[in-house]
Amino acid sequence: MVLSFQSPYRRSDVNPPSEVQTGPFDLRENQVHLWTVRLDRTEDRHEAVARLSAEELRRAGTFHFERHRRRFIVRHMALRAILSAYLRVDPAKLRFTTGERGKPELDPRAREEPLHFNLSHSHEMALIGVTRSAPIGVDIEHVRPIPDLDALAARFFSPFERAVLRDVAPDRKLEAFLRCWTQKEAFVKATGQGLYFDLHRFDVSVSPDAPPAILRVDDDPDLARSWSVHPLPSDPHYVGAVVAEANPIRLSVRCWPWQSLR
């Protein structure tokens, strides 16, 4: 890590799990469980490989570098383990499909109850968001210097977001950029549109001191208000966001293997 910062949001900014859960894998209406997964774990990899599908094993084998192959295996092992715990099925029996725009989903033919999820990873960390209520998107970014930050903002941020970013103090500009980036990525993933969604069609909050939010979607304030946004709790090495089509949502953050962070 070359450069890091402290997020202004404390863990107490998110409802503590004791207020919103009855068990580690119980989900109530408008609840979101956000799992952090360390990808530098090496234990249980033989068991993990046994649980992955033939397609997942094929994809793992396409990575040239061992660390990239390890990260893929660990995050997909964790995804299967977490989702199977909610659905109470064997992890190896989970079947996945993709939406019209390529968003990964659980095959509706292989489950009896609704469960929405989304996965993101960066460097040695993955995020997995799970909810029963509505579509969800998550994104995480490793904090590192970005030499072409202004060029990326000019290409992907809206005019409003670029204007706010220009006024951010230089020592907080990277933080603001990554907060904006992760909110935008999480939102387009939640919509299921992914790369097909024009990133200039909506605004998110940019200032490090402003609450995360979808501020505008095609000048439709009602649409913007229907989405909830939460940041990843304070972490000096990663910035993340979770977006769900429910307002409000109650967020509980935990790490895999199971451990509540609050």
Protein backbone atom coordinates (compact mmCIF):
# COMPACT_ATOMS: atom_id res chain seq x y z
CA MET A 1 0.00 0.00 0.00
CA VAL A 2 1.48 3.31 -1.08
CA LEU A 3 -1.33 5.67 -0.19
CA SER A 4 -4.28 5.31 2.17
CA PHE A 5 -6.84 7.41 3.99
CA GLN A 6 -9.42 7.15 6.73
CA SER A 7 -13.07 7.25 5.71
CA PRO A 8 -15.21 9.81 7.58
CA TYR A 9 -17.88 7.17 8.13
CA ARG A 10 -17.64 5.19 11.37
CA ARG A 11 -18.94 1.70 11.89
CA SER A 12 -21.64 3.15 14.11
CA ASP A 13 -23.10 4.84 11.00
CA VAL A 14 -24.57 1.45 10.04
CA ASN A 15 -27.27 -0.22 12.13
CA PRO A 16 -25.66 -2.79 14.42
CA PRO A 17 -26.50 -6.41 13.59
CA SER A 18 -28.28 -6.89 16.92
CA GLU A 19 -31.00 -4.54 15.70
CA VAL A 20 -31.67 -6.30 12.41
CA GLN A 21 -30.94 -10.01 12.67
CA THR A 22 -32.00 -13.12 14.54
CA GLY A 23 -29.19 -15.34 13.24
CA PRO A 24 -26.12 -15.05 11.02
CA PHE A 25 -28.01 -16.24 7.92
CA ASP A 26 -31.51 -14.92 8.65
CA LEU A 27 -32.65 -12.11 6.37
CA ARG A 28 -35.68 -9.96 7.05
CA GLU A 29 -37.41 -7.50 4.74
CA ASN A 30 -35.15 -4.66 3.58
CA GLN A 31 -32.11 -6.24 5.19
CA VAL A 32 -28.77 -6.41 3.38
CA HIS A 33 -25.89 -8.53 4.60
CA LEU A 34 -22.55 -7.29 3.28
CA TRP A 35 -19.76 -9.86 3.53
CA THR A 36 -16.06 -9.02 3.36
CA VAL A 37 -13.84 -11.86 2.16
CA ARG A 38 -10.05 -11.90 2.44
CA LEU A 39 -8.64 -13.42 -0.75
CA ASP A 40 -5.19 -14.14 0.68
CA ARG A 41 -6.57 -17.20 2.48
CA THR A 42 -4.98 -20.47 1.38
CA GLU A 43 -6.66 -22.95 3.74
CA ASP A 44 -9.44 -25.22 2.46
CA ARG A 45 -8.53 -24.66 -1.20
CA HIS A 46 -8.75 -28.38 -2.02
CA GLU A 47 -12.27 -28.47 -0.58
CA ALA A 48 -13.10 -25.28 -2.46
CA VAL A 49 -12.01 -26.73 -5.78
CA ALA A 50 -14.24 -29.77 -5.16
CA ARG A 51 -17.25 -27.46 -4.79
CA LEU A 52 -16.68 -25.33 -7.89
CA SER A 53 -18.44 -26.05 -11.15
CA ALA A 54 -16.65 -27.23 -14.26
CA GLU A 55 -17.07 -23.75 -15.75
CA GLU A 56 -15.59 -22.10 -12.65
CA LEU A 57 -12.63 -24.49 -12.74
CA ARG A 58 -12.14 -23.73 -16.44
CA ARG A 59 -12.14 -19.99 -15.75
CA ALA A 60 -9.72 -20.44 -12.85
CA GLY A 61 -7.35 -22.27 -15.18
CA THR A 62 -7.23 -19.36 -17.62
CA PHE A 63 -5.31 -17.12 -15.21
CA HIS A 64 -1.59 -16.87 -15.95
CA PHE A 65 -0.52 -15.78 -12.46
CA GLU A 66 -1.11 -18.03 -9.45
CA ARG A 67 -2.27 -15.14 -7.24
CA HIS A 68 -5.04 -14.29 -9.70
CA ARG A 69 -6.08 -17.95 -9.83
CA ARG A 70 -6.07 -18.12 -6.00
CA ARG A 71 -8.20 -14.98 -5.68
CA PHE A 72 -10.74 -16.33 -8.16
CA ILE A 73 -10.99 -19.69 -6.37
CA VAL A 74 -11.33 -18.16 -2.89
CA ARG A 75 -13.98 -15.60 -3.81
CA HIS A 76 -16.10 -18.13 -5.69
CA MET A 77 -15.71 -20.65 -2.88
CA ALA A 78 -16.85 -17.99 -0.41
CA LEU A 79 -19.78 -17.00 -2.64
CA ARG A 80 -21.01 -20.59 -2.82
CA ALA A 81 -20.53 -21.14 0.91
CA ILE A 82 -22.38 -17.94 1.87
CA LEU A 83 -25.31 -18.37 -0.52
CA SER A 84 -25.72 -22.04 0.37
CA ALA A 85 -25.94 -21.11 4.06
CA TYR A 86 -28.91 -18.81 3.35
CA LEU A 87 -30.61 -21.35 1.09
CA ARG A 88 -29.64 -24.37 3.22
CA VAL A 89 -28.33 -26.40 0.30
CA ASP A 90 -25.04 -28.04 -0.61
CA PRO A 91 -22.67 -25.39 -2.05
CA ALA A 92 -21.81 -27.69 -4.96
CA LYS A 93 -25.48 -27.86 -5.95
CA LEU A 94 -25.90 -24.12 -6.52
CA ARG A 95 -26.58 -23.22 -10.13
CA PHE A 96 -25.97 -19.78 -11.58
CA THR A 97 -27.26 -18.01 -14.65
CA THR A 98 -26.95 -14.50 -16.07
CA GLY A 99 -29.49 -11.77 -16.65
CA GLU A 100 -30.19 -10.17 -20.00
CA ARG A 101 -27.19 -7.84 -19.58
CA GLY A 102 -24.90 -10.45 -18.05
CA LYS A 103 -25.46 -9.93 -14.32
CA PRO A 104 -24.84 -13.21 -12.41
CA GLU A 105 -27.94 -14.60 -10.70
CA LEU A 106 -29.06 -17.76 -8.97
CA ASP A 107 -30.91 -20.05 -11.35
CA PRO A 108 -34.59 -19.61 -10.35
CA ARG A 109 -35.25 -23.25 -11.25
CA ALA A 110 -32.81 -24.40 -8.57
CA ARG A 111 -34.25 -22.49 -5.58
CA GLU A 112 -37.57 -22.06 -3.85
CA GLU A 113 -37.13 -18.61 -2.27
CA PRO A 114 -35.85 -15.29 -3.69
CA LEU A 115 -32.28 -14.31 -2.94
CA HIS A 116 -30.45 -11.44 -4.59
CA PHE A 117 -26.67 -11.19 -4.47
CA ASN A 118 -23.75 -9.37 -6.02
CA LEU A 119 -19.99 -9.87 -5.93
CA SER A 120 -17.08 -7.48 -6.39
CA HIS A 121 -13.35 -7.84 -5.79
CA SER A 122 -10.19 -5.77 -5.80
CA HIS A 123 -6.64 -6.81 -4.86
CA GLU A 124 -6.96 -9.11 -1.80
CA MET A 125 -10.55 -8.31 -0.79
CA ALA A 126 -13.98 -9.27 -2.10
CA LEU A 127 -17.44 -7.96 -1.21
CA ILE A 128 -20.58 -10.07 -1.38
CA GLY A 129 -23.96 -8.42 -0.86
CA VAL A 130 -27.02 -10.58 -0.09
CA THR A 131 -30.68 -9.61 0.33
CA ARG A 132 -34.13 -11.07 -0.23
CA SER A 133 -35.83 -7.75 -0.87
CA ALA A 134 -34.63 -6.26 -4.17
CA PRO A 135 -31.82 -6.08 -6.74
CA ILE A 136 -28.45 -5.23 -5.25
CA GLY A 137 -25.06 -4.07 -6.48
CA VAL A 138 -21.70 -3.84 -4.71
CA ASP A 139 -18.31 -2.49 -5.68
CA ILE A 140 -14.94 -2.33 -3.95
CA GLU A 141 -11.68 -0.66 -4.92
CA HIS A 142 -8.20 -1.04 -3.48
CA VAL A 143 -6.76 2.33 -2.45
CA ARG A 144 -3.73 3.03 -4.62
CA PRO A 145 -2.35 6.00 -6.57
CA ILE A 146 -4.27 6.68 -9.81
CA PRO A 147 -2.05 8.80 -12.09
CA ASP A 148 -4.80 9.32 -14.70
CA LEU A 149 -7.49 10.17 -12.17
CA ASP A 150 -8.60 13.39 -13.90
CA ALA A 151 -8.76 11.71 -17.31
CA LEU A 152 -10.89 8.89 -15.90
CA ALA A 153 -13.23 11.38 -14.23
CA ALA A 154 -13.58 13.30 -17.50
CA ARG A 155 -14.51 10.09 -19.30
CA PHE A 156 -16.84 8.42 -16.79
CA PHE A 157 -18.21 11.04 -14.38
CA SER A 158 -21.16 13.35 -15.00
CA PRO A 159 -20.65 17.13 -15.35
CA PHE A 160 -21.97 17.59 -11.80
CA GLU A 161 -19.59 14.97 -10.37
CA ARG A 162 -16.60 16.45 -12.20
CA ALA A 163 -17.43 19.91 -10.89
CA VAL A 164 -17.60 18.69 -7.29
CA LEU A 165 -14.37 16.70 -7.68
CA ARG A 166 -12.51 19.79 -8.92
CA ASP A 167 -13.34 21.58 -5.65
CA VAL A 168 -12.14 18.77 -3.37
CA ALA A 169 -8.89 19.43 -1.50
CA PRO A 170 -5.91 17.72 -3.20
CA ASP A 171 -5.19 15.49 -0.19
CA ARG A 172 -8.76 14.09 -0.31
CA LYS A 173 -9.22 13.93 -4.08
CA LEU A 174 -8.37 10.23 -4.35
CA GLU A 175 -10.88 9.42 -1.62
CA ALA A 176 -13.59 11.44 -3.37
CA PHE A 177 -12.81 9.84 -6.73
CA LEU A 178 -13.03 6.28 -5.36
CA ARG A 179 -16.22 7.02 -3.41
CA CYS A 180 -17.84 8.34 -6.58
CA TRP A 181 -16.52 5.47 -8.69
CA THR A 182 -17.70 2.70 -6.36
CA GLN A 183 -21.16 4.23 -5.96
CA LYS A 184 -21.59 4.49 -9.74
CA GLU A 185 -20.34 0.95 -10.33
CA ALA A 186 -22.54 -0.48 -7.58
CA PHE A 187 -25.57 1.35 -8.98
CA VAL A 188 -25.22 0.11 -12.56
CA LYS A 189 -24.62 -3.41 -11.26
CA ALA A 190 -27.76 -3.19 -9.11
CA THR A 191 -29.82 -2.14 -12.12
CA GLY A 192 -28.56 -5.18 -14.03
CA GLN A 193 -27.44 -2.94 -16.89
CA GLY A 194 -23.71 -2.96 -16.22
CA LEU A 195 -21.70 -1.48 -19.10
CA TYR A 196 -24.93 -0.81 -20.99
CA PHE A 197 -25.91 1.97 -18.54
CA ASP A 198 -24.64 5.41 -19.55
CA LEU A 199 -22.65 6.64 -16.54
CA HIS A 200 -23.47 10.26 -17.44
CA ARG A 201 -27.21 9.66 -16.97
CA PHE A 202 -27.04 9.90 -13.19
CA ASP A 203 -25.24 11.72 -10.37
CA VAL A 204 -23.93 10.35 -7.08
CA SER A 205 -22.46 12.19 -4.12
CA VAL A 206 -18.76 12.94 -4.47
CA SER A 207 -17.58 15.01 -1.50
CA PRO A 208 -15.90 12.88 1.21
CA ASP A 209 -18.01 14.73 3.77
CA ALA A 210 -21.36 14.10 2.07
CA PRO A 211 -23.51 11.03 2.76
CA PRO A 212 -23.43 8.51 -0.09
CA ALA A 213 -26.49 8.81 -2.31
CA ILE A 214 -27.93 8.52 -5.78
CA LEU A 215 -28.77 12.18 -6.40
CA ARG A 216 -30.26 12.15 -9.88
CA VAL A 217 -31.32 9.63 -12.50
CA ASP A 218 -32.32 11.23 -15.79
CA ASP A 219 -33.84 14.15 -13.88
CA ASP A 220 -36.28 11.77 -12.17
CA PRO A 221 -36.10 12.51 -8.41
CA ASP A 222 -38.56 9.75 -7.54
CA LEU A 223 -36.36 7.16 -9.25
CA ALA A 224 -33.25 8.40 -7.45
CA ARG A 225 -34.99 8.21 -4.07
CA SER A 226 -35.93 4.57 -4.59
CA TRP A 227 -32.31 3.46 -4.20
CA SER A 228 -30.35 3.16 -0.94
CA VAL A 229 -26.58 3.58 -0.79
CA HIS A 230 -24.19 2.62 2.00
CA PRO A 231 -20.38 2.84 2.12
CA LEU A 232 -18.05 0.11 3.22
CA PRO A 233 -17.28 0.84 6.89
CA SER A 234 -14.00 2.58 7.60
CA ASP A 235 -11.03 0.74 6.09
CA PRO A 236 -7.67 2.39 5.30
CA HIS A 237 -7.01 0.12 2.31
CA TYR A 238 -10.36 -0.23 0.53
CA VAL A 239 -13.33 1.90 -0.51
CA GLY A 240 -16.64 0.23 -1.27
CA ALA A 241 -20.34 0.81 -1.76
CA VAL A 242 -23.55 -1.19 -1.71
CA VAL A 243 -26.66 -0.06 -3.58
CA ALA A 244 -30.08 -1.70 -3.26
CA GLU A 245 -33.47 -0.97 -4.79
CA ALA A 246 -35.15 -0.49 -1.45
CA ASN A 247 -35.39 2.54 0.79
CA PRO A 248 -34.46 2.36 3.52
CA ILE A 249 -32.30 -0.73 3.86
CA ARG A 250 -30.80 -2.04 7.07
CA LEU A 251 -27.20 -3.04 6.57
CA SER A 252 -25.20 -5.57 8.56
CA VAL A 253 -21.51 -6.05 7.76
CA ARG A 254 -19.71 -9.27 8.55
CA CYS A 255 -16.57 -11.09 7.41
CA TRP A 256 -16.11 -14.60 6.05
CA PRO A 257 -15.65 -17.03 7.77
CA TRP A 258 -18.62 -15.83 9.84
CA GLN A 259 -17.80 -13.02 12.22
CA SER A 260 -19.84 -9.91 12.94
CA LEU A 261 -17.86 -6.67 12.53
CA ARG A 262 -20.06 -4.86 15.07
